[in-house]
Amino acid sequence: MKESIPANDKRRQHKLNLNIMLKPDRIAGRIWLMRMKTSLLIILIAVISALINMSVIMSAHDAAAVGDPSESPEAESFDHTYALYGSLLRKYVRDARVDYKGFISSKAELEKFLDSLGRVREEEYQAWTEPEKLAFWINAYNAFTIDAILENYPISRRFSLIGLFVPSNSILQIKGVWDGLKWKAAGKTLTLGEIEHEILRKEFDEPRIHAAINCASIGCPDLRGVAYTRDKLEEQLSQASAGFINNGVKGLEIDEHDGRVRFSKIFKWFGEDFVDKYGGQYEFEGRSEKENAILNFALIYLADDNKKDFLKRNDFDMGWLGYDWHLNGQ
């Protein structure tokens, strides 16, 4: 007799058979789902990476745009006309006297000009012409000197050995004014002394710089009310030299009656700088090499022919004028 299978057992068997049949499809579906998740994850990672790279590039671009102009490929070129500095000189310099109080009211503009000197890179400077370089350092020296005065204005006497023997408002009252205070220019950090002695005097064969740079003192050659520029440099140096030599108070005093000639002490201090260019033009018998050069320099720029003739006769006592260290303020 054939044994019958209960209905409940039949249903369980049917379900089991169905599960066995569907199991491969379920496994395939899960594998597909896992692959989809992996693909989406890879895409998401790629998108995030691209966004990060874009952010870095944009940040670098922004930094270049607002960062140090000297490092930017689009940095503004240096203004060799010195328009800003020239406008300040025209406004605050009259008859070789400086309105330092006025300069203080325009300190932000002066700072802007000083910053432009500091932004000049060494490689940019080296590509300039000699007149561009020389005009740059003359203007830098004079502008830094003005800045030193403004930072200590009004100047007062300091308790030191030198401070007791010079005027109370002299630039010499400023501690370290020539060998301590520093400014940035053309990729360097320099003192006024370094600009004068290591750059202007050593790198340029141009003694007329001594008539162009100004030490903020009445005894110095006049601070001109214009900036020195590459296009007018030769003319400006000649004008400055003529102005100094023909100034009988602080440049050259000639007393024909007493047979006496007195030069500024600038020629005493730096007379050797004139020897190469002016030493062999006219021979003053019995004079030193330095004296010959100084006298020849005077012959070129003196306006009075009678005084020239007096010098050529070479019958005079040669010496030096006193130096007025009072501030050249108005």
Protein backbone atom coordinates (compact mmCIF):
# COMPACT_ATOMS: atom_id res chain seq x y z
CA MET A 1 0.00 0.00 0.00
CA LYS A 2 1.46 3.36 -1.02
CA GLU A 3 2.09 5.76 1.90
CA SER A 4 0.52 9.21 1.38
CA ILE A 5 2.51 12.43 2.14
CA PRO A 6 0.81 14.94 4.40
CA ALA A 7 -0.21 18.26 2.80
CA ASN A 8 1.96 20.31 5.11
CA ASP A 9 5.07 18.36 4.18
CA LYS A 10 4.29 18.86 0.51
CA ARG A 11 4.19 22.64 0.94
CA ARG A 12 7.50 22.68 2.79
CA GLN A 13 9.10 20.58 0.11
CA HIS A 14 7.78 22.88 -2.62
CA LYS A 15 9.15 25.96 -0.85
CA LEU A 16 12.52 24.30 -0.40
CA ASN A 17 12.67 23.41 -4.09
CA LEU A 18 11.72 26.99 -5.01
CA ASN A 19 14.44 28.44 -2.79
CA ILE A 20 17.00 26.15 -4.37
CA MET A 21 15.91 27.32 -7.81
CA LEU A 22 16.02 31.08 -6.89
CA LYS A 23 19.31 31.01 -4.93
CA PRO A 24 21.63 31.58 -7.94
CA ASP A 25 19.63 34.68 -8.97
CA ARG A 26 19.85 36.12 -5.47
CA ILE A 27 23.61 35.60 -5.36
CA ALA A 28 24.01 37.29 -8.74
CA GLY A 29 21.88 40.20 -7.55
CA ARG A 30 23.96 40.70 -4.48
CA ILE A 31 27.16 40.62 -6.50
CA TRP A 32 25.72 43.22 -8.89
CA LEU A 33 24.68 45.43 -5.96
CA MET A 34 28.15 45.21 -4.42
CA ARG A 35 29.71 46.15 -7.75
CA MET A 36 27.38 49.13 -8.07
CA LYS A 37 28.25 50.33 -4.58
CA THR A 38 31.98 49.98 -5.33
CA SER A 39 31.62 51.93 -8.60
CA LEU A 40 29.68 54.69 -6.88
CA LEU A 41 32.30 54.87 -4.14
CA ILE A 42 35.10 55.18 -6.72
CA ILE A 43 33.19 57.94 -8.54
CA LEU A 44 32.57 59.76 -5.27
CA ILE A 45 36.25 59.59 -4.33
CA ALA A 46 37.25 60.93 -7.77
CA VAL A 47 34.81 63.82 -7.48
CA ILE A 48 36.06 64.74 -3.99
CA SER A 49 39.69 64.56 -5.17
CA ALA A 50 38.94 66.82 -8.13
CA LEU A 51 37.23 69.35 -5.86
CA ILE A 52 40.19 69.35 -3.47
CA ASN A 53 42.67 69.90 -6.32
CA MET A 54 40.57 72.72 -7.71
CA SER A 55 40.42 74.35 -4.28
CA VAL A 56 44.22 74.16 -3.92
CA ILE A 57 44.77 75.70 -7.36
CA MET A 58 42.32 78.53 -6.67
CA SER A 59 43.92 79.21 -3.28
CA ALA A 60 47.36 79.41 -4.87
CA HIS A 61 46.04 81.76 -7.53
CA ASP A 62 44.42 83.99 -4.92
CA ALA A 63 47.63 84.03 -2.86
CA ALA A 64 49.61 85.13 -5.90
CA ALA A 65 47.05 87.84 -6.59
CA VAL A 66 47.11 89.35 -3.11
CA GLY A 67 50.54 88.23 -1.85
CA ASP A 68 53.95 89.74 -2.25
CA PRO A 69 53.89 91.66 -5.55
CA SER A 70 57.56 90.96 -6.09
CA GLU A 71 56.79 87.23 -6.35
CA SER A 72 53.84 87.59 -8.68
CA PRO A 73 54.43 87.10 -12.40
CA GLU A 74 52.08 90.00 -12.95
CA ALA A 75 53.89 92.32 -10.50
CA GLU A 76 53.63 95.96 -11.45
CA SER A 77 56.82 97.24 -13.09
CA PHE A 78 58.85 99.87 -11.27
CA ASP A 79 58.06 103.50 -12.07
CA HIS A 80 61.29 105.00 -13.36
CA THR A 81 59.62 108.41 -13.65
CA TYR A 82 59.29 108.54 -9.85
CA ALA A 83 55.95 110.28 -10.22
CA LEU A 84 54.81 109.75 -6.62
CA TYR A 85 58.13 110.66 -5.01
CA GLY A 86 58.57 113.62 -7.34
CA SER A 87 55.15 114.99 -6.40
CA LEU A 88 56.10 114.87 -2.71
CA LEU A 89 59.38 116.71 -3.35
CA ARG A 90 57.64 119.42 -5.37
CA LYS A 91 55.11 119.85 -2.59
CA TYR A 92 57.41 119.92 0.43
CA VAL A 93 60.83 121.17 -0.75
CA ARG A 94 61.36 124.88 -1.30
CA ASP A 95 64.75 126.53 -1.83
CA ALA A 96 66.58 123.49 -0.43
CA ARG A 97 64.51 123.59 2.78
CA VAL A 98 62.18 120.73 3.65
CA ASP A 99 58.72 121.01 5.18
CA TYR A 100 58.99 117.94 7.42
CA LYS A 101 55.66 118.66 9.12
CA GLY A 102 54.04 118.60 5.70
CA PHE A 103 55.80 115.35 4.88
CA ILE A 104 54.32 113.83 8.03
CA SER A 105 50.84 114.62 6.75
CA SER A 106 51.71 112.66 3.59
CA LYS A 107 53.52 109.84 5.37
CA ALA A 108 51.27 107.20 3.79
CA GLU A 109 52.30 108.34 0.31
CA LEU A 110 55.97 108.33 1.25
CA GLU A 111 55.57 104.83 2.70
CA LYS A 112 54.01 103.71 -0.56
CA PHE A 113 57.05 104.95 -2.44
CA LEU A 114 59.46 103.33 0.03
CA ASP A 115 57.53 100.06 -0.33
CA SER A 116 58.00 100.25 -4.10
CA LEU A 117 61.77 100.45 -3.58
CA GLY A 118 61.61 97.36 -1.38
CA ARG A 119 59.56 95.38 -3.89
CA VAL A 120 62.21 95.65 -6.62
CA ARG A 121 63.78 92.21 -6.98
CA GLU A 122 67.52 91.69 -7.44
CA GLU A 123 67.07 90.07 -10.86
CA GLU A 124 64.83 92.92 -11.99
CA TYR A 125 67.38 95.50 -10.81
CA GLN A 126 70.26 93.74 -12.59
CA ALA A 127 68.42 94.10 -15.90
CA TRP A 128 68.28 97.89 -15.62
CA THR A 129 70.56 100.36 -17.39
CA GLU A 130 73.27 102.20 -15.47
CA PRO A 131 71.30 105.50 -15.40
CA GLU A 132 68.28 103.63 -14.05
CA LYS A 133 70.36 102.07 -11.29
CA LEU A 134 72.11 105.29 -10.34
CA ALA A 135 68.89 107.33 -10.24
CA PHE A 136 67.33 104.58 -8.13
CA TRP A 137 70.02 104.72 -5.43
CA ILE A 138 70.22 108.52 -5.31
CA ASN A 139 66.46 108.74 -4.81
CA ALA A 140 66.49 105.85 -2.35
CA TYR A 141 69.20 107.49 -0.24
CA ASN A 142 67.40 110.83 -0.12
CA ALA A 143 63.98 109.28 0.55
CA PHE A 144 65.31 107.04 3.32
CA THR A 145 66.98 110.08 4.90
CA ILE A 146 63.66 111.92 4.90
CA ASP A 147 62.03 108.87 6.45
CA ALA A 148 64.66 108.78 9.22
CA ILE A 149 63.89 112.41 10.05
CA LEU A 150 60.13 111.85 10.06
CA GLU A 151 60.44 108.84 12.36
CA ASN A 152 62.32 111.01 14.88
CA TYR A 153 60.62 114.35 14.32
CA PRO A 154 60.94 116.69 16.09
CA ILE A 155 64.55 115.77 16.70
CA SER A 156 65.84 116.41 20.20
CA ARG A 157 69.28 116.29 21.78
CA ARG A 158 70.43 112.89 22.98
CA PHE A 159 72.85 112.39 25.82
CA SER A 160 75.98 111.24 24.04
CA LEU A 161 79.39 112.63 23.25
CA ILE A 162 78.46 113.62 19.72
CA GLY A 163 75.03 114.80 20.81
CA LEU A 164 76.60 117.45 23.03
CA PHE A 165 78.64 119.01 20.22
CA VAL A 166 76.15 119.20 17.32
CA PRO A 167 72.92 121.22 17.01
CA SER A 168 69.98 119.82 18.97
CA ASN A 169 67.93 119.32 15.79
CA SER A 170 70.76 117.72 13.78
CA ILE A 171 70.39 114.39 12.04
CA LEU A 172 73.45 113.36 14.08
CA GLN A 173 71.19 113.28 17.15
CA ILE A 174 69.46 110.19 15.68
CA LYS A 175 71.21 107.11 17.02
CA GLY A 176 72.51 104.83 14.27
CA VAL A 177 71.12 106.99 11.49
CA TRP A 178 73.86 105.93 9.06
CA ASP A 179 74.97 102.57 10.33
CA GLY A 180 72.03 101.20 12.33
CA LEU A 181 68.71 102.06 10.69
CA LYS A 182 67.89 99.85 7.71
CA TRP A 183 65.58 99.90 4.72
CA LYS A 184 64.76 97.45 1.92
CA ALA A 185 65.68 98.19 -1.68
CA ALA A 186 66.44 96.08 -4.75
CA GLY A 187 66.41 92.79 -2.88
CA LYS A 188 68.68 94.02 -0.08
CA THR A 189 68.35 95.39 3.43
CA LEU A 190 70.71 98.33 3.79
CA THR A 191 71.79 101.25 5.94
CA LEU A 192 72.34 104.73 4.54
CA GLY A 193 76.07 104.20 5.00
CA GLU A 194 75.99 101.02 2.94
CA ILE A 195 74.07 102.72 0.14
CA GLU A 196 76.55 105.59 0.02
CA HIS A 197 79.86 103.79 0.53
CA GLU A 198 79.23 100.26 -0.76
CA ILE A 199 76.95 101.01 -3.69
CA LEU A 200 77.03 104.64 -4.87
CA ARG A 201 80.76 105.18 -4.35
CA LYS A 202 81.97 101.69 -5.28
CA GLU A 203 79.67 100.54 -8.06
CA PHE A 204 79.43 103.79 -10.03
CA ASP A 205 82.27 105.87 -11.42
CA GLU A 206 80.35 109.06 -10.71
CA PRO A 207 81.73 111.52 -8.13
CA ARG A 208 78.88 113.94 -8.80
CA ILE A 209 76.73 111.79 -6.52
CA HIS A 210 78.23 113.88 -3.71
CA ALA A 211 76.31 116.87 -5.05
CA ALA A 212 73.12 114.85 -5.38
CA ILE A 213 72.65 112.93 -2.13
CA ASN A 214 71.44 114.94 0.84
CA CYS A 215 72.08 114.33 4.55
CA ALA A 216 69.21 116.51 5.81
CA SER A 217 71.63 119.22 6.92
CA ILE A 218 72.10 122.83 5.84
CA GLY A 219 75.75 122.14 5.01
CA CYS A 220 74.82 119.37 2.56
CA PRO A 221 74.33 119.96 -1.16
CA ASP A 222 70.75 121.07 -1.74
CA LEU A 223 67.93 118.57 -1.79
CA ARG A 224 66.31 119.29 -5.13
CA GLY A 225 62.57 119.58 -5.48
CA VAL A 226 62.50 116.93 -8.20
CA ALA A 227 63.35 113.25 -8.35
CA TYR A 228 66.37 112.04 -10.32
CA THR A 229 65.34 110.08 -13.42
CA ARG A 230 67.12 107.97 -16.00
CA ASP A 231 66.19 110.26 -18.89
CA LYS A 232 67.46 113.47 -17.27
CA LEU A 233 70.20 112.10 -15.04
CA GLU A 234 73.20 113.67 -16.81
CA GLU A 235 71.56 117.09 -16.89
CA GLN A 236 70.41 116.78 -13.26
CA LEU A 237 73.85 115.77 -11.97
CA SER A 238 75.43 118.69 -13.82
CA GLN A 239 72.86 121.09 -12.37
CA ALA A 240 73.38 119.74 -8.86
CA SER A 241 77.17 120.07 -9.21
CA ALA A 242 76.94 123.61 -10.56
CA GLY A 243 74.50 124.57 -7.81
CA PHE A 244 76.87 123.30 -5.14
CA ILE A 245 80.10 124.78 -6.53
CA ASN A 246 78.49 128.19 -7.10
CA ASN A 247 77.10 128.32 -3.57
CA GLY A 248 79.60 130.54 -1.76
CA VAL A 249 78.22 129.67 1.67
CA LYS A 250 78.54 125.90 1.66
CA GLY A 251 80.05 124.80 -1.67
CA LEU A 252 83.03 126.97 -2.61
CA GLU A 253 84.08 130.31 -1.15
CA ILE A 254 86.64 132.29 -3.14
CA ASP A 255 88.18 135.39 -1.57
CA GLU A 256 90.39 136.96 -4.22
CA HIS A 257 91.39 139.87 -2.00
CA ASP A 258 92.74 137.66 0.79
CA GLY A 259 93.96 134.96 -1.62
CA ARG A 260 91.87 132.28 0.04
CA VAL A 261 89.82 129.38 -1.34
CA ARG A 262 87.56 127.28 0.87
CA PHE A 263 85.73 124.16 -0.30
CA SER A 264 82.98 122.20 1.43
CA LYS A 265 84.31 119.51 3.73
CA ILE A 266 82.55 117.01 1.46
CA PHE A 267 85.54 117.46 -0.86
CA LYS A 268 87.89 116.90 2.06
CA TRP A 269 86.10 113.70 3.07
CA PHE A 270 85.55 112.29 -0.44
CA GLY A 271 88.07 114.11 -2.63
CA GLU A 272 89.68 110.84 -3.77
CA ASP A 273 86.46 109.98 -5.60
CA PHE A 274 87.15 112.86 -8.01
CA VAL A 275 90.71 111.89 -8.94
CA ASP A 276 90.05 109.44 -11.78
CA LYS A 277 87.67 111.71 -13.69
CA TYR A 278 89.00 115.16 -12.92
CA GLY A 279 92.61 114.75 -11.79
CA GLY A 280 94.43 115.21 -15.09
CA GLN A 281 92.59 118.01 -16.85
CA TYR A 282 94.52 121.05 -15.61
CA GLU A 283 97.71 120.89 -13.62
CA PHE A 284 97.86 122.93 -10.45
CA GLU A 285 101.55 122.86 -9.61
CA GLY A 286 102.39 122.07 -6.04
CA ARG A 287 98.94 120.68 -5.26
CA SER A 288 98.17 117.13 -4.18
CA GLU A 289 96.42 114.72 -6.50
CA LYS A 290 93.17 115.16 -4.59
CA GLU A 291 93.45 118.97 -4.60
CA ASN A 292 94.11 118.95 -8.35
CA ALA A 293 90.97 116.90 -8.95
CA ILE A 294 88.82 119.12 -6.75
CA LEU A 295 90.08 122.32 -8.38
CA ASN A 296 89.50 120.89 -11.86
CA PHE A 297 85.98 119.94 -10.86
CA ALA A 298 85.42 123.53 -9.73
CA LEU A 299 86.73 124.92 -13.03
CA ILE A 300 84.11 122.93 -14.94
CA TYR A 301 81.11 124.11 -12.96
CA LEU A 302 82.03 127.64 -11.82
CA ALA A 303 79.85 130.19 -13.57
CA ASP A 304 82.11 133.22 -12.92
CA ASP A 305 85.00 133.43 -15.41
CA ASN A 306 86.93 135.80 -13.13
CA LYS A 307 86.89 133.20 -10.37
CA LYS A 308 88.05 130.56 -12.86
CA ASP A 309 90.99 132.74 -13.85
CA PHE A 310 91.82 133.31 -10.20
CA LEU A 311 91.95 129.57 -9.58
CA LYS A 312 94.14 128.95 -12.64
CA ARG A 313 96.72 131.43 -11.34
CA ASN A 314 97.13 129.01 -8.46
CA ASP A 315 98.15 131.71 -6.01
CA PHE A 316 95.91 131.06 -3.03
CA ASP A 317 95.62 129.21 0.23
CA MET A 318 93.27 126.23 -0.05
CA GLY A 319 91.20 125.00 2.89
CA TRP A 320 87.77 123.89 4.04
CA LEU A 321 84.53 125.56 5.06
CA GLY A 322 82.80 124.84 8.32
CA TYR A 323 79.98 122.32 8.04
CA ASP A 324 76.52 123.30 9.21
CA TRP A 325 74.80 120.28 10.77
CA HIS A 326 71.53 122.08 11.55
CA LEU A 327 68.47 120.36 10.13
CA ASN A 328 67.48 121.61 6.68
CA GLY A 329 63.88 122.15 7.76
CA GLN A 330 61.68 125.10 6.92
